[in-house]
Structures are given as C-alpha cells and as structure tokens.
C-alpha cells in the first residue's frame, strides 16, 4: 500500500540544494555577514541585524516543496494556502507547477477537485484539524511542512483542552496559524479557546476574569469575541481555567506580558492559590521569532539613520519587526526589492502595522550625504531579495557595490 503522509522529506536535500542556493543565495549579504554584519559602500555604512531572513522552519518548508516537485513531477501538486508569506517564494512555487488552493472569505478551502492521485503540501503554518481530516479522507499524498515551533504550541493547546483549560491564544484570529492552533482543542469534547489580538483585547478578558467595575457584560463580551472564540464559548464558565499560548510570529514581549496580565487578573479575583491551580503558561515563544526581535532591539540601541525591513505585507513577524524599528528611526517596510525603483529613485512601502494598510510612494527618501543604513527581514524573506534591495538603494545613492544580484541589475 502506498505511503500517503510525509513529514520528514524524501532524502532529496542534496539534489535540490544547488537549485535552492542558486535561487535564494546572496553573495553580497555573505560578504557583509563575514565582516561582522557591518560594511561600508562609498559613504553608506550598511548594518545587518545579526538574525534575519529565513528561519529553520521556513528553510525546511521550502526545501520540502522543492523535494516534492523533484519526487512527484508526474502528478498534480497542490499547496493549501501559501507555503510562507513571501510573494517571491510563492511565485517560484507557481513557476514550478505547484497549484495553490486559496480559502474563501470565510476561510473555507474547497478540496472537492482533489483525488487520491494528487499530492498536497501543507504549509509551514499548518492547517486546521478539520482540513487535515478532510484531506486524509480524500486519500491524497500529504507532504506536511508544518513548522516544529508551531507543533510545539499545538501540543500545549491540546494539553490545555485535555485538562479542561480554555486556551487563550495571542494571535490574529483570521491568520492561518492561529486558526490551526485553535482547532487543536477540537481533539477533546469540551475543548475551548479564545483569541486575543493584542494587549487591549487581553485586558477585556482580564477585566471580565477579575470582575472589575465597568467590564463588558456577558452579552457584549460574547458578541465581541463571537468570531474569535470556540462555538458555545461561555465566559462565565470558560474563563475559570486558562492556559496561555501564542501565534509564533507575534511580538514575544507582548505575548509574555499578556500572560502576566491574565495571571494577575485571576489572582485579583480568586486569590493566589486558585491561580496556581487554574492558570497555565508554558513556553510557546518561537526561538527564531525571538532571535530576530532581539537582534532588532540590539541594533536599535544605536539606531541607523534609516532602516529597511523586507518581507510580505501579510507576514506577521515582518510587520512586528517594522513596528519595533519605527519606534527608534525612520523605517520603510517593503514587500520586495522591486518596491525600490532605481529609475525614479522612489520607494513603495507600507507605513503601518496593519496588513491591509495601503502602500505609499516616497520621493527624496534617501539622505543626500553620508548615512547609515540598517537592514533586516522577516523569517519568510530569502537572502537574495534582501541583497537586491540593498543594491537598489546603493545605486540610487550613486554607489557601486561591486556585486551583481540577478534581479537588481
């Protein structure tokens, strides 16, 4: 009987490595990295964050996708959603013949056209428990690239639901990862979850738990969290036992602060003894996300004159890096190197944290004299796109870096 589920690749890493290196490598970035993450080009001092770009989970997902095409080139290959939130990488997947299955506005995927002869790649964010079971019923070959850090969070949420705790998830309720994480409670008959976007929403929960004056009443609370909580969620019943988890790409500092606030609220209303038994918070912070955020914090201790953050506008971790940088220096979040136009000298960028914020075009955005330029990128951004962006900046400024990244020429 044919094996239909794969999580550890196909042993073809050596075969696909030369292709991946050729498509995503940047000699320019390697040069700067080898010089202590700082280099000078003309009158521009370039500083790289010490952690940036592809993380282990993204590397693994991209590698498995290439291996899948190598192994199953004679079959139809589909991808549920996007492999990662990067337009360049997803475009390459399309060029390789991978077909994307996008959800409808309600987040529902149509798998009716799939057959048992097809191959389906599950993205690094994972898929909901319901969608996973639907695909297993089809009988197609599944290549699961779900990140190990995401699986770690799923394990905690599963444990919370098993033990009767409501999973309070710091994340974006419409994000693929948060939906997949929340669905883990469905492994248990009475599993419950509630998703909070930020500290402001977490405080709404804390106010309810602590029964503070002016808190939302039950009806208002249920209305506010209607799309962000499990079916049948009852705050009077389901906020007595809480386990905190997070979408791995959120601001780690905020996730930890939310956990502390929830615990404090439980102590305030029920006492320390109750909180010790009825509140849980296990370490679900993604190390790669933490490292990239820590690297930005280190750089911002002595901020550059200008900061460019590269990554998809719908990439949560990229948006958070840009938000952190904006607190300290002039920052441009660009989706791709093509946002920097060498001919006109302009830059297209997203000025706000919200993924739906419209792009703006800036002219005269580069200093005319010597300046320092900082660079970082989200965990879904390949090195070649970072290198191309740098080359475009230098060319607008009239500096020849002596390097030739393919798409920047």
Protein backbone atom coordinates (compact mmCIF):
# COMPACT_ATOMS: atom_id res chain seq x y z
CA UNK A 1 0.00 0.00 0.00
CA UNK A 2 1.36 3.42 -0.95
CA UNK A 3 2.51 5.67 1.88
CA UNK A 4 0.44 8.85 1.84
CA UNK A 5 1.77 11.02 4.69
CA UNK A 6 5.25 12.55 4.85
CA UNK A 7 6.70 14.89 7.46
CA UNK A 8 10.44 14.29 7.15
CA UNK A 9 11.12 14.95 3.48
CA UNK A 10 12.23 12.41 0.92
CA UNK A 11 16.00 12.29 1.39
CA UNK A 12 16.48 14.52 -1.67
CA UNK A 13 18.05 17.52 0.09
CA UNK A 14 21.35 17.09 -1.74
CA UNK A 15 19.58 17.01 -5.10
CA UNK A 16 17.60 20.23 -4.56
CA UNK A 17 20.23 22.19 -2.60
CA UNK A 18 22.09 23.56 -5.65
CA UNK A 19 18.81 24.87 -7.11
CA UNK A 20 17.70 26.46 -3.84
CA UNK A 21 21.12 28.03 -3.25
CA UNK A 22 21.15 29.48 -6.77
CA UNK A 23 17.67 30.96 -6.36
CA UNK A 24 17.87 32.33 -2.82
CA UNK A 25 21.55 32.96 -2.00
CA UNK A 26 23.14 36.43 -1.80
CA UNK A 27 26.90 36.85 -2.11
CA UNK A 28 26.55 40.48 -1.01
CA UNK A 29 24.92 39.55 2.29
CA UNK A 30 27.51 36.86 2.93
CA UNK A 31 30.23 39.48 2.44
CA UNK A 32 28.63 41.82 4.98
CA UNK A 33 27.97 38.99 7.43
CA UNK A 34 31.63 37.89 7.22
CA UNK A 35 32.70 41.42 8.17
CA UNK A 36 30.83 41.45 11.45
CA UNK A 37 27.44 42.41 9.96
CA UNK A 38 28.73 45.88 9.05
CA UNK A 39 30.32 47.08 5.81
CA UNK A 40 30.92 50.39 4.06
CA UNK A 41 29.99 51.16 0.47
CA UNK A 42 31.05 54.64 -0.60
CA UNK A 43 29.62 56.96 2.05
CA UNK A 44 26.96 54.45 3.18
CA UNK A 45 27.54 52.33 6.26
CA UNK A 46 25.42 49.19 5.97
CA UNK A 47 24.43 47.28 9.08
CA UNK A 48 22.68 43.91 9.06
CA UNK A 49 20.66 42.65 12.00
CA UNK A 50 22.52 39.66 13.39
CA UNK A 51 19.47 37.43 12.84
CA UNK A 52 17.29 37.98 9.78
CA UNK A 53 15.53 36.25 6.91
CA UNK A 54 14.74 32.55 6.53
CA UNK A 55 14.34 30.70 9.82
CA UNK A 56 14.74 26.95 10.21
CA UNK A 57 11.02 26.30 9.76
CA UNK A 58 10.84 28.28 6.52
CA UNK A 59 14.04 26.69 5.22
CA UNK A 60 12.53 23.30 5.88
CA UNK A 61 9.19 24.14 4.23
CA UNK A 62 10.86 25.48 1.09
CA UNK A 63 13.19 22.50 0.93
CA UNK A 64 10.29 20.02 1.25
CA UNK A 65 8.37 21.82 -1.51
CA UNK A 66 11.32 21.52 -3.89
CA UNK A 67 11.81 17.87 -2.91
CA UNK A 68 8.11 17.21 -3.55
CA UNK A 69 8.35 18.60 -7.09
CA UNK A 70 11.51 16.54 -7.66
CA UNK A 71 9.85 13.32 -6.46
CA UNK A 72 6.30 13.75 -7.79
CA UNK A 73 6.86 15.67 -11.01
CA UNK A 74 4.43 13.41 -12.85
CA UNK A 75 1.50 14.20 -10.55
CA UNK A 76 -0.66 17.22 -9.83
CA UNK A 77 0.80 19.05 -6.82
CA UNK A 78 -1.29 21.43 -4.74
CA UNK A 79 -0.49 23.76 -1.87
CA UNK A 80 -3.03 24.66 0.83
CA UNK A 81 -2.83 28.46 1.03
CA UNK A 82 0.70 29.85 0.79
CA UNK A 83 3.82 27.91 1.77
CA UNK A 84 5.01 31.04 3.63
CA UNK A 85 4.06 34.72 3.46
CA UNK A 86 6.52 35.87 0.82
CA UNK A 87 5.40 36.84 -2.71
CA UNK A 88 8.70 35.89 -4.39
CA UNK A 89 8.80 32.41 -2.87
CA UNK A 90 5.14 31.75 -3.68
CA UNK A 91 5.69 32.94 -7.25
CA UNK A 92 8.53 30.43 -7.59
CA UNK A 93 6.22 27.68 -6.34
CA UNK A 94 3.75 28.57 -9.10
CA UNK A 95 6.51 28.57 -11.71
CA UNK A 96 7.49 25.08 -10.54
CA UNK A 97 3.97 23.87 -11.35
CA UNK A 98 2.52 23.87 -7.83
CA UNK A 99 -1.15 24.87 -7.80
CA UNK A 100 -2.45 27.00 -4.93
CA UNK A 101 -5.73 26.31 -3.13
CA UNK A 102 -6.92 29.55 -1.56
CA UNK A 103 -9.71 29.80 1.04
CA UNK A 104 -12.93 31.69 0.51
CA UNK A 105 -13.64 34.88 2.54
CA UNK A 106 -14.79 32.70 5.46
CA UNK A 107 -11.52 30.75 5.48
CA UNK A 108 -13.03 27.60 3.95
CA UNK A 109 -10.99 25.56 1.45
CA UNK A 110 -12.60 23.72 -1.45
CA UNK A 111 -10.98 20.28 -1.77
CA UNK A 112 -13.72 18.80 -3.98
CA UNK A 113 -11.46 18.71 -7.07
CA UNK A 114 -8.74 16.67 -5.37
CA UNK A 115 -8.26 12.95 -6.00
CA UNK A 116 -6.23 10.21 -4.36
CA UNK A 117 -3.66 10.56 -7.16
CA UNK A 118 -2.82 14.14 -6.17
CA UNK A 119 -0.09 15.46 -3.91
CA UNK A 120 -0.96 18.18 -1.38
CA UNK A 121 1.59 20.27 0.50
CA UNK A 122 0.59 21.58 3.92
CA UNK A 123 2.19 25.00 4.64
CA UNK A 124 4.59 25.97 7.42
CA UNK A 125 1.64 27.49 9.32
CA UNK A 126 -0.14 24.13 9.36
CA UNK A 127 -3.84 23.53 8.64
CA UNK A 128 -6.84 23.13 10.89
CA UNK A 129 -7.64 19.74 12.32
CA UNK A 130 -10.83 19.72 10.26
CA UNK A 131 -8.99 20.39 6.99
CA UNK A 132 -6.37 17.78 7.80
CA UNK A 133 -9.04 15.12 8.30
CA UNK A 134 -10.80 16.17 5.08
CA UNK A 135 -7.58 15.72 3.12
CA UNK A 136 -6.90 12.35 4.72
CA UNK A 137 -10.37 11.24 3.63
CA UNK A 138 -9.54 12.16 0.03
CA UNK A 139 -6.58 9.79 0.25
CA UNK A 140 -4.12 12.10 -1.49
CA UNK A 141 -0.42 12.17 -0.65
CA UNK A 142 0.21 14.76 2.06
CA UNK A 143 3.55 16.49 2.50
CA UNK A 144 3.41 18.23 5.88
CA UNK A 145 5.80 21.18 6.24
CA UNK A 146 4.25 22.48 9.49
CA UNK A 147 6.97 24.22 11.49
CA UNK A 148 8.23 22.47 14.62
CA UNK A 149 7.67 25.62 16.69
CA UNK A 150 4.02 25.65 15.61
CA UNK A 151 3.68 21.98 16.54
CA UNK A 152 5.07 22.83 19.98
CA UNK A 153 2.27 25.36 20.50
CA UNK A 154 -0.29 22.83 19.26
CA UNK A 155 0.92 20.34 21.86
CA UNK A 156 0.36 22.86 24.65
CA UNK A 157 -3.11 23.82 23.40
CA UNK A 158 -4.00 20.13 23.14
CA UNK A 159 -2.89 19.64 26.75
CA UNK A 160 -4.91 22.62 27.93
CA UNK A 161 -8.08 21.28 26.29
CA UNK A 162 -7.43 17.78 27.59
CA UNK A 163 -7.20 19.08 31.15
CA UNK A 164 -10.27 21.32 30.90
CA UNK A 165 -8.44 24.64 30.44
CA UNK A 166 -9.53 27.23 27.89
CA UNK A 167 -6.68 28.12 25.53
CA UNK A 168 -6.21 31.88 25.43
CA UNK A 169 -4.21 32.44 22.22
CA UNK A 170 -2.35 35.67 21.48
CA UNK A 171 -2.73 35.93 17.72
CA UNK A 172 -4.75 37.14 14.74
CA UNK A 173 -7.97 35.15 14.58
CA UNK A 174 -8.03 35.23 10.75
CA UNK A 175 -4.41 34.06 10.39
CA UNK A 176 -3.85 30.51 9.12
CA UNK A 177 -1.60 29.62 12.05
CA UNK A 178 -3.98 30.90 14.73
CA UNK A 179 -6.91 29.05 13.15
CA UNK A 180 -4.87 25.85 13.00
CA UNK A 181 -3.68 26.29 16.58
CA UNK A 182 -7.17 26.99 17.92
CA UNK A 183 -8.53 23.90 16.15
CA UNK A 184 -6.37 21.64 18.33
CA UNK A 185 -8.94 21.98 21.11
CA UNK A 186 -11.35 20.01 18.91
CA UNK A 187 -9.47 16.84 19.83
CA UNK A 188 -11.42 16.97 23.09
CA UNK A 189 -15.23 17.08 23.51
CA UNK A 190 -15.31 20.22 25.67
CA UNK A 191 -12.24 21.97 24.30
CA UNK A 192 -12.45 25.78 24.30
CA UNK A 193 -10.38 28.69 23.03
CA UNK A 194 -10.46 32.47 22.78
CA UNK A 195 -8.07 34.51 20.59
CA UNK A 196 -6.87 37.98 21.61
CA UNK A 197 -5.18 40.22 19.03
CA UNK A 198 -3.22 42.43 21.41
CA UNK A 199 -2.96 43.73 24.95
CA UNK A 200 -6.11 45.83 24.52
CA UNK A 201 -8.20 42.71 23.82
CA UNK A 202 -6.39 40.79 26.54
CA UNK A 203 -7.42 43.48 29.04
CA UNK A 204 -11.07 42.93 28.07
CA UNK A 205 -10.61 39.31 29.13
CA UNK A 206 -8.72 40.29 32.28
CA UNK A 207 -11.42 42.78 33.27
CA UNK A 208 -14.03 40.04 32.91
CA UNK A 209 -11.98 37.49 34.84
CA UNK A 210 -11.31 39.94 37.68
CA UNK A 211 -14.94 41.20 37.64
CA UNK A 212 -13.73 44.79 37.55
CA UNK A 213 -16.15 47.72 37.55
CA UNK A 214 -17.05 48.79 34.03
CA UNK A 215 -16.19 45.45 32.48
CA UNK A 216 -18.16 44.22 29.47
CA UNK A 217 -21.34 42.41 30.39
CA UNK A 218 -21.72 38.80 29.31
CA UNK A 219 -23.70 39.58 26.17
CA UNK A 220 -21.29 42.29 24.99
CA UNK A 221 -18.30 40.06 25.70
CA UNK A 222 -19.74 37.16 23.71
CA UNK A 223 -20.62 39.49 20.84
CA UNK A 224 -17.10 40.98 20.73
CA UNK A 225 -15.40 37.59 20.69
CA UNK A 226 -18.04 35.79 18.58
CA UNK A 227 -15.61 35.12 15.70
CA UNK A 228 -12.61 34.76 17.98
CA UNK A 229 -13.81 32.01 20.31
CA UNK A 230 -14.90 28.40 20.11
CA UNK A 231 -18.53 27.50 19.43
CA UNK A 232 -20.60 27.73 22.60
CA UNK A 233 -17.98 29.76 24.43
CA UNK A 234 -19.33 30.98 27.79
CA UNK A 235 -17.08 33.49 29.61
CA UNK A 236 -18.68 32.76 33.00
CA UNK A 237 -17.79 29.11 32.66
CA UNK A 238 -14.80 29.05 30.34
CA UNK A 239 -12.60 31.73 31.90
CA UNK A 240 -12.23 29.92 35.22
CA UNK A 241 -9.32 27.81 33.92
CA UNK A 242 -6.97 29.44 31.40
CA UNK A 243 -3.87 28.29 29.58
CA UNK A 244 -1.96 30.90 27.56
CA UNK A 245 -0.38 30.24 24.16
CA UNK A 246 0.55 32.36 21.15
CA UNK A 247 0.80 32.56 17.39
CA UNK A 248 4.55 32.08 16.92
CA UNK A 249 5.05 35.25 14.86
CA UNK A 250 3.58 37.72 17.36
CA UNK A 251 5.67 40.12 19.41
CA UNK A 252 7.20 37.82 22.02
CA UNK A 253 7.39 40.58 24.63
CA UNK A 254 3.67 41.27 24.25
CA UNK A 255 2.77 37.55 24.48
CA UNK A 256 4.64 37.28 27.78
CA UNK A 257 3.05 40.48 29.09
CA UNK A 258 -0.44 39.21 28.20
CA UNK A 259 0.21 36.02 30.14
CA UNK A 260 1.28 38.03 33.18
CA UNK A 261 -1.84 40.22 32.96
CA UNK A 262 -4.15 37.19 32.82
CA UNK A 263 -2.49 35.59 35.83
CA UNK A 264 -2.71 38.86 37.78
CA UNK A 265 -6.42 39.12 36.98
CA UNK A 266 -7.04 35.61 38.30
CA UNK A 267 -5.14 36.38 41.49
CA UNK A 268 -7.08 39.63 41.90
CA UNK A 269 -10.46 37.91 41.85
CA UNK A 270 -9.79 34.37 43.09
CA UNK A 271 -6.53 34.58 45.00
CA UNK A 272 -3.02 33.19 44.58
CA UNK A 273 -3.94 29.62 45.47
CA UNK A 274 -6.66 29.47 42.80
CA UNK A 275 -4.38 30.98 40.16
CA UNK A 276 -1.65 28.46 40.91
CA UNK A 277 -4.05 25.64 40.06
CA UNK A 278 -6.19 27.25 37.37
CA UNK A 279 -3.69 29.25 35.28
CA UNK A 280 -1.04 27.79 33.00
CA UNK A 281 1.54 29.32 30.69
CA UNK A 282 4.14 27.13 29.06
CA UNK A 283 6.96 28.43 26.89
CA UNK A 284 5.46 28.68 23.40
CA UNK A 285 7.60 31.58 22.17
CA UNK A 286 9.25 30.67 18.83
CA UNK A 287 13.03 30.90 19.24
CA UNK A 288 13.53 32.18 15.68
CA UNK A 289 10.95 34.94 16.14
CA UNK A 290 12.54 35.85 19.46
CA UNK A 291 16.05 35.92 17.97
CA UNK A 292 15.02 38.23 15.12
CA UNK A 293 13.25 40.56 17.50
CA UNK A 294 16.22 40.52 19.90
CA UNK A 295 18.56 41.37 17.01
CA UNK A 296 16.43 44.43 16.18
CA UNK A 297 16.41 45.52 19.83
CA UNK A 298 20.22 45.28 19.84
CA UNK A 299 20.52 47.30 16.63
CA UNK A 300 18.10 49.96 17.89
CA UNK A 301 20.30 50.60 20.94
CA UNK A 302 22.33 52.62 18.42
CA UNK A 303 19.85 53.03 15.57
CA UNK A 304 20.94 53.65 11.99
CA UNK A 305 19.79 56.78 10.17
CA UNK A 306 17.47 54.71 8.01
CA UNK A 307 16.01 51.22 8.38
CA UNK A 308 14.61 48.97 5.67
CA UNK A 309 12.57 45.92 6.65
CA UNK A 310 11.88 43.45 3.85
CA UNK A 311 9.06 40.92 3.82
CA UNK A 312 5.47 40.23 2.80
CA UNK A 313 2.88 42.77 3.89
CA UNK A 314 0.77 39.89 5.21
CA UNK A 315 3.73 38.47 7.16
CA UNK A 316 3.02 38.90 10.86
CA UNK A 317 6.62 38.62 12.01
CA UNK A 318 7.80 41.14 9.38
CA UNK A 319 5.14 43.64 10.41
CA UNK A 320 6.25 43.37 14.02
CA UNK A 321 9.92 43.91 13.13
CA UNK A 322 8.96 47.06 11.21
CA UNK A 323 6.85 48.28 14.12
CA UNK A 324 9.78 47.83 16.50
CA UNK A 325 12.13 49.76 14.22
CA UNK A 326 9.69 52.66 13.75
CA UNK A 327 9.93 53.40 17.46
CA UNK A 328 13.59 54.39 17.01
CA UNK A 329 14.36 55.52 13.46
CA UNK A 330 12.94 56.29 10.02
CA UNK A 331 11.75 52.92 8.77
CA UNK A 332 10.44 51.58 5.45
CA UNK A 333 8.68 48.21 5.28
CA UNK A 334 8.88 46.96 1.70
CA UNK A 335 7.39 43.74 0.38
CA UNK A 336 10.12 43.06 -2.14
CA UNK A 337 13.21 44.64 -3.69
CA UNK A 338 11.04 45.73 -6.64
CA UNK A 339 9.48 48.32 -4.31
CA UNK A 340 12.69 50.32 -4.75
CA UNK A 341 12.70 51.89 -8.22
CA UNK A 342 16.21 52.74 -9.41
CA UNK A 343 14.94 54.70 -12.42
CA UNK A 344 12.71 57.09 -10.45
CA UNK A 345 14.54 56.89 -7.15
CA UNK A 346 11.27 56.20 -5.32
CA UNK A 347 10.26 53.62 -2.74
CA UNK A 348 6.88 51.93 -2.26
CA UNK A 349 6.29 50.89 1.31
CA UNK A 350 3.65 50.06 3.90
CA UNK A 351 3.73 52.68 6.66
CA UNK A 352 1.52 50.96 9.24
CA UNK A 353 1.38 47.73 11.21
CA UNK A 354 -1.95 46.59 9.78
CA UNK A 355 -1.52 44.14 6.89
CA UNK A 356 -4.26 45.91 4.94
CA UNK A 357 -2.67 49.37 5.21
CA UNK A 358 -2.20 50.87 1.73
CA UNK A 359 1.23 51.33 0.19
CA UNK A 360 2.71 54.81 -0.03
CA UNK A 361 5.27 56.08 -2.54
CA UNK A 362 8.08 58.30 -1.24
CA UNK A 363 10.46 60.51 -3.19
CA UNK A 364 13.60 62.12 -1.78
CA UNK A 365 13.64 59.49 0.94
CA UNK A 366 17.39 58.89 0.95
CA UNK A 367 19.82 61.26 2.69
CA UNK A 368 21.97 63.20 0.21
CA UNK A 369 25.18 62.80 2.21
CA UNK A 370 26.79 60.04 4.26
CA UNK A 371 24.36 57.92 6.24
CA UNK A 372 23.99 54.58 7.99
CA UNK A 373 21.50 52.03 6.64
CA UNK A 374 20.08 49.16 8.67
CA UNK A 375 18.59 46.03 7.13
CA UNK A 376 16.51 43.21 8.50
CA UNK A 377 13.89 40.89 7.05
CA UNK A 378 11.05 38.66 8.11
CA UNK A 379 11.55 34.94 8.54
CA UNK A 380 9.96 34.30 5.13
CA UNK A 381 12.30 36.57 3.14
CA UNK A 382 15.09 34.94 1.08
CA UNK A 383 18.57 36.44 1.21
CA UNK A 384 18.69 37.27 -2.50
CA UNK A 385 15.75 39.67 -2.09
CA UNK A 386 17.49 41.42 0.79
CA UNK A 387 20.67 41.72 -1.27
CA UNK A 388 18.76 43.06 -4.28
CA UNK A 389 17.07 45.71 -2.11
CA UNK A 390 20.44 46.86 -0.80
CA UNK A 391 21.90 47.11 -4.30
CA UNK A 392 18.99 49.24 -5.45
CA UNK A 393 19.43 51.64 -2.52
CA UNK A 394 23.14 51.98 -3.25
CA UNK A 395 22.54 52.60 -6.94
CA UNK A 396 20.03 55.35 -6.25
CA UNK A 397 22.63 56.90 -3.96
CA UNK A 398 25.26 56.61 -6.70
CA UNK A 399 27.33 53.88 -5.10
CA UNK A 400 28.67 50.81 -6.95
CA UNK A 401 28.73 47.88 -4.55
CA UNK A 402 30.72 45.74 -6.94
CA UNK A 403 28.16 42.92 -6.65
CA UNK A 404 25.54 41.72 -9.14
CA UNK A 405 22.41 40.20 -7.63
CA UNK A 406 20.37 38.83 -10.54
CA UNK A 407 17.10 40.80 -10.28
CA UNK A 408 18.71 44.07 -9.24
CA UNK A 409 20.63 44.63 -12.47
